[in-house]
Amino acid sequence: MLLLVFFMKIEKTILITNIRQLKHWDHSYKRIYFGQEFCERLIPSTGDLDQILEFVKKEDLKLTFVTPYLTDNGIKNILNLIDILEKYSCVDELVFNDWGLFSILKNSRFSLVMGRLLVKQAKDPRLYNNKIIYSKESMEELQQPYLNSSLMKFLFNNNIYRIELDNSMLGINCKGPFYETKMHCSVYFPYGYISTSRFCLTLRVLNEGELKITKSCKRECERYEFALQNDKNNIKLFLKGNTIFFLNERATNDGKIDRIIYEPCLPI
């Protein structure tokens, strides 16, 4: 309830990473985020994409398609899905977390959104442990996304008017070079990511720490997740797939954030 009150003037969206999570949707969400940010092996199938598109059409919603960082093979798979998305007017946004994909799609009909993997923030939980020692000025610096005027100019020149952020434990302060601009900010809630890799950390844990590299992905990450031992503070950390996440259930808004992306599950 606190979340709904705090964000009642902000657009509410929900992130769906697989069809089974549609059970978390309700009519308060007018936009669905669908796709995968962290692993190209979890890119949706054409069958799942068809199902989500039919659902979006039926409920008269908008869809934002989410993409991860990619290899050449991953880009081919994404482009096959984008050929399908092009046919649906309900799909109006695409989140990119890979500059190679951006270069291919920068002249497409979609509104491109710079994903949270490309917008750097201070999110290490150890910074939160030491927050009492920071001056006001230092804290404001740590709370700001790492964007400078040159990057902002590049984004605007390429018609990118939305960036996405994690709900940092330190808070978010958008008083950087884009504070007075027309840039829009989205925030993911309640899970943020700390680190991600192309190496599947879940597979390593299941092999008792052995550095076992395999070309055969059985999507073990869809069946397992791990709470990480954290003796230094009460921040909840999780390992799922190739990514380490933190949980922050405290709402953050500095006035620039106009969209919240609710994650009903760990987003992988």
C-alpha atoms as a PDB file:
ATOM      1  CA  MET A   1       0.000   0.000   0.000  1.00  0.00           C
ATOM      2  CA  LEU A   2       2.868   2.383   0.780  1.00  0.00           C
ATOM      3  CA  LEU A   3       4.200   1.780  -2.720  1.00  0.00           C
ATOM      4  CA  LEU A   4       0.881   2.598  -4.374  1.00  0.00           C
ATOM      5  CA  VAL A   5       0.408   5.800  -2.385  1.00  0.00           C
ATOM      6  CA  PHE A   6       3.936   7.020  -2.924  1.00  0.00           C
ATOM      7  CA  PHE A   7       3.833   6.431  -6.657  1.00  0.00           C
ATOM      8  CA  MET A   8       0.179   7.265  -7.279  1.00  0.00           C
ATOM      9  CA  LYS A   9       1.092  10.071  -9.746  1.00  0.00           C
ATOM     10  CA  ILE A  10       3.645   7.947 -11.569  1.00  0.00           C
ATOM     11  CA  GLU A  11       2.979   5.573 -14.455  1.00  0.00           C
ATOM     12  CA  LYS A  12       2.843   2.011 -13.180  1.00  0.00           C
ATOM     13  CA  THR A  13       4.195  -0.775 -15.368  1.00  0.00           C
ATOM     14  CA  ILE A  14       5.004  -4.412 -14.690  1.00  0.00           C
ATOM     15  CA  LEU A  15       7.977  -6.460 -15.909  1.00  0.00           C
ATOM     16  CA  ILE A  16       7.103  -9.917 -17.238  1.00  0.00           C
ATOM     17  CA  THR A  17      10.090 -12.118 -18.086  1.00  0.00           C
ATOM     18  CA  ASN A  18       8.052 -15.211 -18.925  1.00  0.00           C
ATOM     19  CA  ILE A  19       4.422 -16.012 -19.702  1.00  0.00           C
ATOM     20  CA  ARG A  20       3.796 -17.597 -16.284  1.00  0.00           C
ATOM     21  CA  GLN A  21       4.244 -14.219 -14.615  1.00  0.00           C
ATOM     22  CA  LEU A  22       1.175 -12.777 -16.326  1.00  0.00           C
ATOM     23  CA  LYS A  23      -0.761 -13.918 -13.251  1.00  0.00           C
ATOM     24  CA  HIS A  24       0.747 -10.892 -11.452  1.00  0.00           C
ATOM     25  CA  TRP A  25      -0.823  -8.407 -13.867  1.00  0.00           C
ATOM     26  CA  ASP A  26      -3.937  -6.436 -12.944  1.00  0.00           C
ATOM     27  CA  HIS A  27      -5.832  -3.559 -14.539  1.00  0.00           C
ATOM     28  CA  SER A  28      -3.807  -0.911 -12.705  1.00  0.00           C
ATOM     29  CA  TYR A  29      -0.989  -1.597 -15.197  1.00  0.00           C
ATOM     30  CA  LYS A  30      -1.569  -0.013 -18.610  1.00  0.00           C
ATOM     31  CA  ARG A  31       1.856  -0.999 -19.921  1.00  0.00           C
ATOM     32  CA  ILE A  32       3.731  -4.298 -19.792  1.00  0.00           C
ATOM     33  CA  TYR A  33       7.481  -4.670 -20.029  1.00  0.00           C
ATOM     34  CA  PHE A  34       8.324  -8.006 -21.630  1.00  0.00           C
ATOM     35  CA  GLY A  35      11.673  -9.602 -22.361  1.00  0.00           C
ATOM     36  CA  GLN A  36      15.018 -10.326 -20.770  1.00  0.00           C
ATOM     37  CA  GLU A  37      17.772  -7.930 -19.644  1.00  0.00           C
ATOM     38  CA  PHE A  38      20.509 -10.217 -18.381  1.00  0.00           C
ATOM     39  CA  CYS A  39      20.951 -13.296 -20.568  1.00  0.00           C
ATOM     40  CA  GLU A  40      20.507 -13.817 -24.295  1.00  0.00           C
ATOM     41  CA  ARG A  41      19.799 -17.519 -23.666  1.00  0.00           C
ATOM     42  CA  LEU A  42      16.563 -16.438 -21.988  1.00  0.00           C
ATOM     43  CA  ILE A  43      15.326 -14.314 -24.908  1.00  0.00           C
ATOM     44  CA  PRO A  44      11.622 -15.151 -25.346  1.00  0.00           C
ATOM     45  CA  SER A  45      10.572 -17.677 -27.959  1.00  0.00           C
ATOM     46  CA  THR A  46       8.342 -16.633 -30.848  1.00  0.00           C
ATOM     47  CA  GLY A  47       5.550 -18.654 -29.234  1.00  0.00           C
ATOM     48  CA  ASP A  48       5.809 -16.737 -25.954  1.00  0.00           C
ATOM     49  CA  LEU A  49       6.000 -13.460 -27.854  1.00  0.00           C
ATOM     50  CA  ASP A  50       2.835 -14.288 -29.778  1.00  0.00           C
ATOM     51  CA  GLN A  51       1.038 -15.058 -26.495  1.00  0.00           C
ATOM     52  CA  ILE A  52       2.064 -11.813 -24.841  1.00  0.00           C
ATOM     53  CA  LEU A  53       1.120  -9.791 -27.919  1.00  0.00           C
ATOM     54  CA  GLU A  54      -2.336 -11.367 -28.020  1.00  0.00           C
ATOM     55  CA  PHE A  55      -2.778 -10.575 -24.316  1.00  0.00           C
ATOM     56  CA  VAL A  56      -1.683  -6.955 -24.802  1.00  0.00           C
ATOM     57  CA  LYS A  57      -4.076  -6.521 -27.741  1.00  0.00           C
ATOM     58  CA  LYS A  58      -6.959  -8.085 -25.839  1.00  0.00           C
ATOM     59  CA  GLU A  59      -6.476  -5.831 -22.791  1.00  0.00           C
ATOM     60  CA  ASP A  60      -5.739  -2.715 -24.888  1.00  0.00           C
ATOM     61  CA  LEU A  61      -2.307  -2.191 -23.325  1.00  0.00           C
ATOM     62  CA  LYS A  62       1.051  -0.867 -24.493  1.00  0.00           C
ATOM     63  CA  LEU A  63       4.139  -3.062 -24.595  1.00  0.00           C
ATOM     64  CA  THR A  64       7.788  -2.205 -24.026  1.00  0.00           C
ATOM     65  CA  PHE A  65      10.139  -4.906 -25.300  1.00  0.00           C
ATOM     66  CA  VAL A  66      13.244  -5.443 -23.155  1.00  0.00           C
ATOM     67  CA  THR A  67      16.563  -6.743 -24.510  1.00  0.00           C
ATOM     68  CA  PRO A  68      19.875  -7.827 -22.894  1.00  0.00           C
ATOM     69  CA  TYR A  69      23.537  -7.370 -23.784  1.00  0.00           C
ATOM     70  CA  LEU A  70      24.204  -9.531 -26.830  1.00  0.00           C
ATOM     71  CA  THR A  71      26.619 -11.558 -28.899  1.00  0.00           C
ATOM     72  CA  ASP A  72      26.294 -11.604 -32.695  1.00  0.00           C
ATOM     73  CA  ASN A  73      24.099 -14.686 -32.394  1.00  0.00           C
ATOM     74  CA  GLY A  74      21.944 -12.989 -29.784  1.00  0.00           C
ATOM     75  CA  ILE A  75      21.440  -9.971 -32.040  1.00  0.00           C
ATOM     76  CA  LYS A  76      20.190 -12.276 -34.811  1.00  0.00           C
ATOM     77  CA  ASN A  77      17.663 -13.830 -32.426  1.00  0.00           C
ATOM     78  CA  ILE A  78      16.456 -10.416 -31.229  1.00  0.00           C
ATOM     79  CA  LEU A  79      16.086  -9.112 -34.775  1.00  0.00           C
ATOM     80  CA  ASN A  80      13.892 -12.111 -35.633  1.00  0.00           C
ATOM     81  CA  LEU A  81      11.567 -11.094 -32.773  1.00  0.00           C
ATOM     82  CA  ILE A  82      11.657  -7.444 -33.786  1.00  0.00           C
ATOM     83  CA  ASP A  83      10.390  -8.429 -37.235  1.00  0.00           C
ATOM     84  CA  ILE A  84       7.282  -9.698 -35.421  1.00  0.00           C
ATOM     85  CA  LEU A  85       7.027  -6.668 -33.118  1.00  0.00           C
ATOM     86  CA  GLU A  86       7.109  -4.306 -36.088  1.00  0.00           C
ATOM     87  CA  LYS A  87       3.636  -5.520 -37.091  1.00  0.00           C
ATOM     88  CA  TYR A  88       1.990  -4.468 -33.818  1.00  0.00           C
ATOM     89  CA  SER A  89       1.143  -0.853 -33.092  1.00  0.00           C
ATOM     90  CA  CYS A  90       0.739  -1.667 -29.392  1.00  0.00           C
ATOM     91  CA  VAL A  91       4.532  -2.144 -29.217  1.00  0.00           C
ATOM     92  CA  ASP A  92       5.922   1.374 -29.065  1.00  0.00           C
ATOM     93  CA  GLU A  93       9.115   1.126 -26.989  1.00  0.00           C
ATOM     94  CA  LEU A  94      12.264  -0.957 -26.973  1.00  0.00           C
ATOM     95  CA  VAL A  95      14.770  -1.036 -24.107  1.00  0.00           C
ATOM     96  CA  PHE A  96      18.345  -1.599 -25.280  1.00  0.00           C
ATOM     97  CA  ASN A  97      21.206  -2.712 -23.066  1.00  0.00           C
ATOM     98  CA  ASP A  98      23.651  -3.237 -25.910  1.00  0.00           C
ATOM     99  CA  TRP A  99      25.172  -0.493 -28.069  1.00  0.00           C
ATOM    100  CA  GLY A 100      25.451  -2.838 -31.045  1.00  0.00           C
ATOM    101  CA  LEU A 101      21.692  -3.382 -31.062  1.00  0.00           C
ATOM    102  CA  PHE A 102      21.170   0.356 -30.659  1.00  0.00           C
ATOM    103  CA  SER A 103      23.246   1.052 -33.771  1.00  0.00           C
ATOM    104  CA  ILE A 104      21.025  -1.306 -35.769  1.00  0.00           C
ATOM    105  CA  LEU A 105      17.713   0.044 -34.462  1.00  0.00           C
ATOM    106  CA  LYS A 106      18.411   3.756 -34.055  1.00  0.00           C
ATOM    107  CA  ASN A 107      16.334   4.579 -37.129  1.00  0.00           C
ATOM    108  CA  SER A 108      13.493   2.166 -36.350  1.00  0.00           C
ATOM    109  CA  ARG A 109       9.935   3.236 -35.534  1.00  0.00           C
ATOM    110  CA  PHE A 110      10.322   2.290 -31.854  1.00  0.00           C
ATOM    111  CA  SER A 111      11.003   4.796 -29.097  1.00  0.00           C
ATOM    112  CA  LEU A 112      14.359   3.593 -27.806  1.00  0.00           C
ATOM    113  CA  VAL A 113      15.019   3.527 -24.066  1.00  0.00           C
ATOM    114  CA  MET A 114      18.511   3.333 -22.552  1.00  0.00           C
ATOM    115  CA  GLY A 115      18.425   0.360 -20.191  1.00  0.00           C
ATOM    116  CA  ARG A 116      19.717   0.180 -16.642  1.00  0.00           C
ATOM    117  CA  LEU A 117      22.733  -1.926 -17.619  1.00  0.00           C
ATOM    118  CA  LEU A 118      24.061   1.052 -19.578  1.00  0.00           C
ATOM    119  CA  VAL A 119      23.110   3.740 -17.038  1.00  0.00           C
ATOM    120  CA  LYS A 120      25.732   3.385 -14.328  1.00  0.00           C
ATOM    121  CA  GLN A 121      24.925   4.029 -10.656  1.00  0.00           C
ATOM    122  CA  ALA A 122      26.609   3.551  -7.287  1.00  0.00           C
ATOM    123  CA  LYS A 123      24.835   0.442  -5.979  1.00  0.00           C
ATOM    124  CA  ASP A 124      27.443  -1.569  -4.076  1.00  0.00           C
ATOM    125  CA  PRO A 125      25.876  -2.445  -0.677  1.00  0.00           C
ATOM    126  CA  ARG A 126      29.196  -1.642   1.001  1.00  0.00           C
ATOM    127  CA  LEU A 127      28.600   2.011   0.114  1.00  0.00           C
ATOM    128  CA  TYR A 128      25.309   1.884   1.984  1.00  0.00           C
ATOM    129  CA  ASN A 129      27.092   0.463   5.038  1.00  0.00           C
ATOM    130  CA  ASN A 130      29.263   3.589   5.217  1.00  0.00           C
ATOM    131  CA  LYS A 131      26.642   6.206   4.400  1.00  0.00           C
ATOM    132  CA  ILE A 132      26.923   7.895   7.812  1.00  0.00           C
ATOM    133  CA  ILE A 133      30.485   8.989   7.052  1.00  0.00           C
ATOM    134  CA  TYR A 134      29.656  10.764   3.785  1.00  0.00           C
ATOM    135  CA  SER A 135      29.243  14.496   3.597  1.00  0.00           C
ATOM    136  CA  LYS A 136      26.060  15.890   2.072  1.00  0.00           C
ATOM    137  CA  GLU A 137      27.978  16.715  -1.111  1.00  0.00           C
ATOM    138  CA  SER A 138      29.480  13.223  -1.336  1.00  0.00           C
ATOM    139  CA  MET A 139      26.108  11.588  -0.841  1.00  0.00           C
ATOM    140  CA  GLU A 140      24.568  13.694  -3.629  1.00  0.00           C
ATOM    141  CA  GLU A 141      27.380  12.606  -5.946  1.00  0.00           C
ATOM    142  CA  LEU A 142      26.841   8.937  -5.103  1.00  0.00           C
ATOM    143  CA  GLN A 143      23.100   9.237  -5.661  1.00  0.00           C
ATOM    144  CA  GLN A 144      23.458  10.664  -9.174  1.00  0.00           C
ATOM    145  CA  PRO A 145      23.409   8.448 -12.282  1.00  0.00           C
ATOM    146  CA  TYR A 146      26.736   8.624 -14.083  1.00  0.00           C
ATOM    147  CA  LEU A 147      25.711  10.752 -17.044  1.00  0.00           C
ATOM    148  CA  ASN A 148      27.523  13.761 -18.407  1.00  0.00           C
ATOM    149  CA  SER A 149      26.512  16.528 -20.806  1.00  0.00           C
ATOM    150  CA  SER A 150      28.267  14.880 -23.787  1.00  0.00           C
ATOM    151  CA  LEU A 151      26.334  11.649 -23.321  1.00  0.00           C
ATOM    152  CA  MET A 152      23.083  13.538 -22.844  1.00  0.00           C
ATOM    153  CA  LYS A 153      23.695  15.409 -26.102  1.00  0.00           C
ATOM    154  CA  PHE A 154      24.336  12.100 -27.858  1.00  0.00           C
ATOM    155  CA  LEU A 155      21.106  10.614 -26.489  1.00  0.00           C
ATOM    156  CA  PHE A 156      18.997  13.588 -27.529  1.00  0.00           C
ATOM    157  CA  ASN A 157      20.608  13.665 -30.978  1.00  0.00           C
ATOM    158  CA  ASN A 158      19.459  10.056 -31.348  1.00  0.00           C
ATOM    159  CA  ASN A 159      15.932  10.731 -30.056  1.00  0.00           C
ATOM    160  CA  ILE A 160      16.404   8.896 -26.768  1.00  0.00           C
ATOM    161  CA  TYR A 161      14.322  10.582 -24.107  1.00  0.00           C
ATOM    162  CA  ARG A 162      14.060   7.914 -21.407  1.00  0.00           C
ATOM    163  CA  ILE A 163      16.661   6.203 -19.221  1.00  0.00           C
ATOM    164  CA  GLU A 164      16.139   3.463 -16.661  1.00  0.00           C
ATOM    165  CA  LEU A 165      17.512   3.223 -13.136  1.00  0.00           C
ATOM    166  CA  ASP A 166      17.773   0.841 -10.220  1.00  0.00           C
ATOM    167  CA  ASN A 167      16.209   1.781  -6.889  1.00  0.00           C
ATOM    168  CA  SER A 168      19.619   2.297  -5.252  1.00  0.00           C
ATOM    169  CA  MET A 169      19.917   1.788  -1.496  1.00  0.00           C
ATOM    170  CA  LEU A 170      21.602   5.194  -1.382  1.00  0.00           C
ATOM    171  CA  GLY A 171      18.631   6.885  -3.029  1.00  0.00           C
ATOM    172  CA  ILE A 172      18.439   8.631  -6.408  1.00  0.00           C
ATOM    173  CA  ASN A 173      19.369  12.238  -7.038  1.00  0.00           C
ATOM    174  CA  CYS A 174      18.858  13.431 -10.611  1.00  0.00           C
ATOM    175  CA  LYS A 175      20.403  16.878 -10.161  1.00  0.00           C
ATOM    176  CA  GLY A 176      23.035  16.120 -12.744  1.00  0.00           C
ATOM    177  CA  PRO A 177      23.413  17.656 -16.213  1.00  0.00           C
ATOM    178  CA  PHE A 178      20.011  16.356 -17.305  1.00  0.00           C
ATOM    179  CA  TYR A 179      17.951  17.638 -14.366  1.00  0.00           C
ATOM    180  CA  GLU A 180      16.420  20.524 -16.331  1.00  0.00           C
ATOM    181  CA  THR A 181      16.137  18.623 -19.615  1.00  0.00           C
ATOM    182  CA  LYS A 182      13.309  16.689 -21.245  1.00  0.00           C
ATOM    183  CA  MET A 183      14.821  13.346 -20.260  1.00  0.00           C
ATOM    184  CA  HIS A 184      12.411  10.949 -18.509  1.00  0.00           C
ATOM    185  CA  CYS A 185      13.482   8.466 -15.853  1.00  0.00           C
ATOM    186  CA  SER A 186      12.096   5.044 -14.970  1.00  0.00           C
ATOM    187  CA  VAL A 187      13.009   3.037 -11.865  1.00  0.00           C
ATOM    188  CA  TYR A 188      12.850  -0.731 -11.323  1.00  0.00           C
ATOM    189  CA  PHE A 189      11.263  -1.864  -8.056  1.00  0.00           C
ATOM    190  CA  PRO A 190      11.980  -3.675  -5.770  1.00  0.00           C
ATOM    191  CA  TYR A 191      14.977  -5.543  -7.285  1.00  0.00           C
ATOM    192  CA  GLY A 192      18.162  -3.901  -8.501  1.00  0.00           C
ATOM    193  CA  TYR A 193      21.197  -5.583  -9.970  1.00  0.00           C
ATOM    194  CA  ILE A 194      24.711  -5.289  -8.569  1.00  0.00           C
ATOM    195  CA  SER A 195      26.707  -7.287 -11.090  1.00  0.00           C
ATOM    196  CA  THR A 196      26.074  -9.454 -14.128  1.00  0.00           C
ATOM    197  CA  SER A 197      28.203 -11.685 -16.340  1.00  0.00           C
ATOM    198  CA  ARG A 198      27.990 -13.903 -19.411  1.00  0.00           C
ATOM    199  CA  PHE A 199      29.109 -16.755 -17.159  1.00  0.00           C
ATOM    200  CA  CYS A 200      26.233 -18.581 -15.447  1.00  0.00           C
ATOM    201  CA  LEU A 201      26.863 -18.255 -11.731  1.00  0.00           C
ATOM    202  CA  THR A 202      23.883 -20.478 -10.914  1.00  0.00           C
ATOM    203  CA  LEU A 203      25.490 -23.349 -12.791  1.00  0.00           C
ATOM    204  CA  ARG A 204      28.691 -22.807 -10.827  1.00  0.00           C
ATOM    205  CA  VAL A 205      26.846 -23.021  -7.508  1.00  0.00           C
ATOM    206  CA  LEU A 206      25.032 -26.175  -8.581  1.00  0.00           C
ATOM    207  CA  ASN A 207      28.434 -27.691  -9.370  1.00  0.00           C
ATOM    208  CA  GLU A 208      29.653 -26.815  -5.851  1.00  0.00           C
ATOM    209  CA  GLY A 209      31.878 -23.985  -6.965  1.00  0.00           C
ATOM    210  CA  GLU A 210      33.520 -25.792  -9.863  1.00  0.00           C
ATOM    211  CA  LEU A 211      34.300 -23.503 -12.799  1.00  0.00           C
ATOM    212  CA  LYS A 212      32.428 -25.628 -15.270  1.00  0.00           C
ATOM    213  CA  ILE A 213      31.722 -24.040 -18.640  1.00  0.00           C
ATOM    214  CA  THR A 214      29.089 -25.689 -20.793  1.00  0.00           C
ATOM    215  CA  LYS A 215      27.529 -24.854 -24.126  1.00  0.00           C
ATOM    216  CA  SER A 216      24.359 -26.674 -23.117  1.00  0.00           C
ATOM    217  CA  CYS A 217      22.006 -24.323 -21.255  1.00  0.00           C
ATOM    218  CA  LYS A 218      19.114 -26.082 -19.548  1.00  0.00           C
ATOM    219  CA  ARG A 219      17.801 -22.842 -18.037  1.00  0.00           C
ATOM    220  CA  GLU A 220      18.704 -23.959 -14.529  1.00  0.00           C
ATOM    221  CA  CYS A 221      18.252 -20.349 -13.440  1.00  0.00           C
ATOM    222  CA  GLU A 222      14.495 -20.659 -13.961  1.00  0.00           C
ATOM    223  CA  ARG A 223      14.376 -23.348 -11.261  1.00  0.00           C
ATOM    224  CA  TYR A 224      16.905 -22.074  -8.742  1.00  0.00           C
ATOM    225  CA  GLU A 225      17.732 -18.887  -6.906  1.00  0.00           C
ATOM    226  CA  PHE A 226      20.013 -18.360  -3.933  1.00  0.00           C
ATOM    227  CA  ALA A 227      19.970 -15.972  -0.993  1.00  0.00           C
ATOM    228  CA  LEU A 228      23.541 -14.801  -0.407  1.00  0.00           C
ATOM    229  CA  GLN A 229      25.161 -14.685   3.005  1.00  0.00           C
ATOM    230  CA  ASN A 230      25.498 -11.071   4.110  1.00  0.00           C
ATOM    231  CA  ASP A 231      26.862 -10.533   7.621  1.00  0.00           C
ATOM    232  CA  LYS A 232      27.594  -6.825   7.260  1.00  0.00           C
ATOM    233  CA  ASN A 233      24.071  -5.433   6.984  1.00  0.00           C
ATOM    234  CA  ASN A 234      20.418  -6.339   6.521  1.00  0.00           C
ATOM    235  CA  ILE A 235      20.354  -5.809   2.766  1.00  0.00           C
ATOM    236  CA  LYS A 236      18.934  -8.877   1.041  1.00  0.00           C
ATOM    237  CA  LEU A 237      21.110 -10.175  -1.789  1.00  0.00           C
ATOM    238  CA  PHE A 238      20.251 -12.892  -4.297  1.00  0.00           C
ATOM    239  CA  LEU A 239      22.005 -14.877  -6.989  1.00  0.00           C
ATOM    240  CA  LYS A 240      19.896 -15.913  -9.958  1.00  0.00           C
ATOM    241  CA  GLY A 241      21.365 -17.027 -13.242  1.00  0.00           C
ATOM    242  CA  ASN A 242      24.350 -14.892 -14.154  1.00  0.00           C
ATOM    243  CA  THR A 243      23.378 -11.898 -11.997  1.00  0.00           C
ATOM    244  CA  ILE A 244      23.512 -10.753  -8.375  1.00  0.00           C
ATOM    245  CA  PHE A 245      20.535  -8.685  -7.193  1.00  0.00           C
ATOM    246  CA  PHE A 246      19.644  -6.627  -4.136  1.00  0.00           C
ATOM    247  CA  LEU A 247      16.201  -6.031  -2.683  1.00  0.00           C
ATOM    248  CA  ASN A 248      15.140  -2.487  -1.790  1.00  0.00           C
ATOM    249  CA  GLU A 249      11.490  -2.108  -0.803  1.00  0.00           C
ATOM    250  CA  ARG A 250      11.821   1.569   0.105  1.00  0.00           C
ATOM    251  CA  ALA A 251      10.296   3.850  -2.502  1.00  0.00           C
ATOM    252  CA  THR A 252      12.621   6.430  -4.053  1.00  0.00           C
ATOM    253  CA  ASN A 253      11.580   9.487  -6.062  1.00  0.00           C
ATOM    254  CA  ASP A 254      13.448  12.725  -6.644  1.00  0.00           C
ATOM    255  CA  GLY A 255      10.881  14.359  -8.930  1.00  0.00           C
ATOM    256  CA  LYS A 256      12.376  13.293 -12.278  1.00  0.00           C
ATOM    257  CA  ILE A 257      11.122   9.718 -12.029  1.00  0.00           C
ATOM    258  CA  ASP A 258       7.800   9.373 -13.844  1.00  0.00           C
ATOM    259  CA  ARG A 259       7.546   5.602 -14.313  1.00  0.00           C
ATOM    260  CA  ILE A 260       7.935   2.641 -11.966  1.00  0.00           C
ATOM    261  CA  ILE A 261       8.616  -0.838 -13.342  1.00  0.00           C
ATOM    262  CA  TYR A 262       7.338  -3.351 -10.831  1.00  0.00           C
ATOM    263  CA  GLU A 263       9.198  -6.674 -10.719  1.00  0.00           C
ATOM    264  CA  PRO A 264       6.950  -9.377  -9.197  1.00  0.00           C
ATOM    265  CA  CYS A 265       9.893 -11.826  -9.247  1.00  0.00           C
ATOM    266  CA  LEU A 266      13.644 -11.696  -9.597  1.00  0.00           C
ATOM    267  CA  PRO A 267      13.964 -10.466 -13.202  1.00  0.00           C
ATOM    268  CA  ILE A 268      15.698 -13.421 -14.785  1.00  0.00           C
END
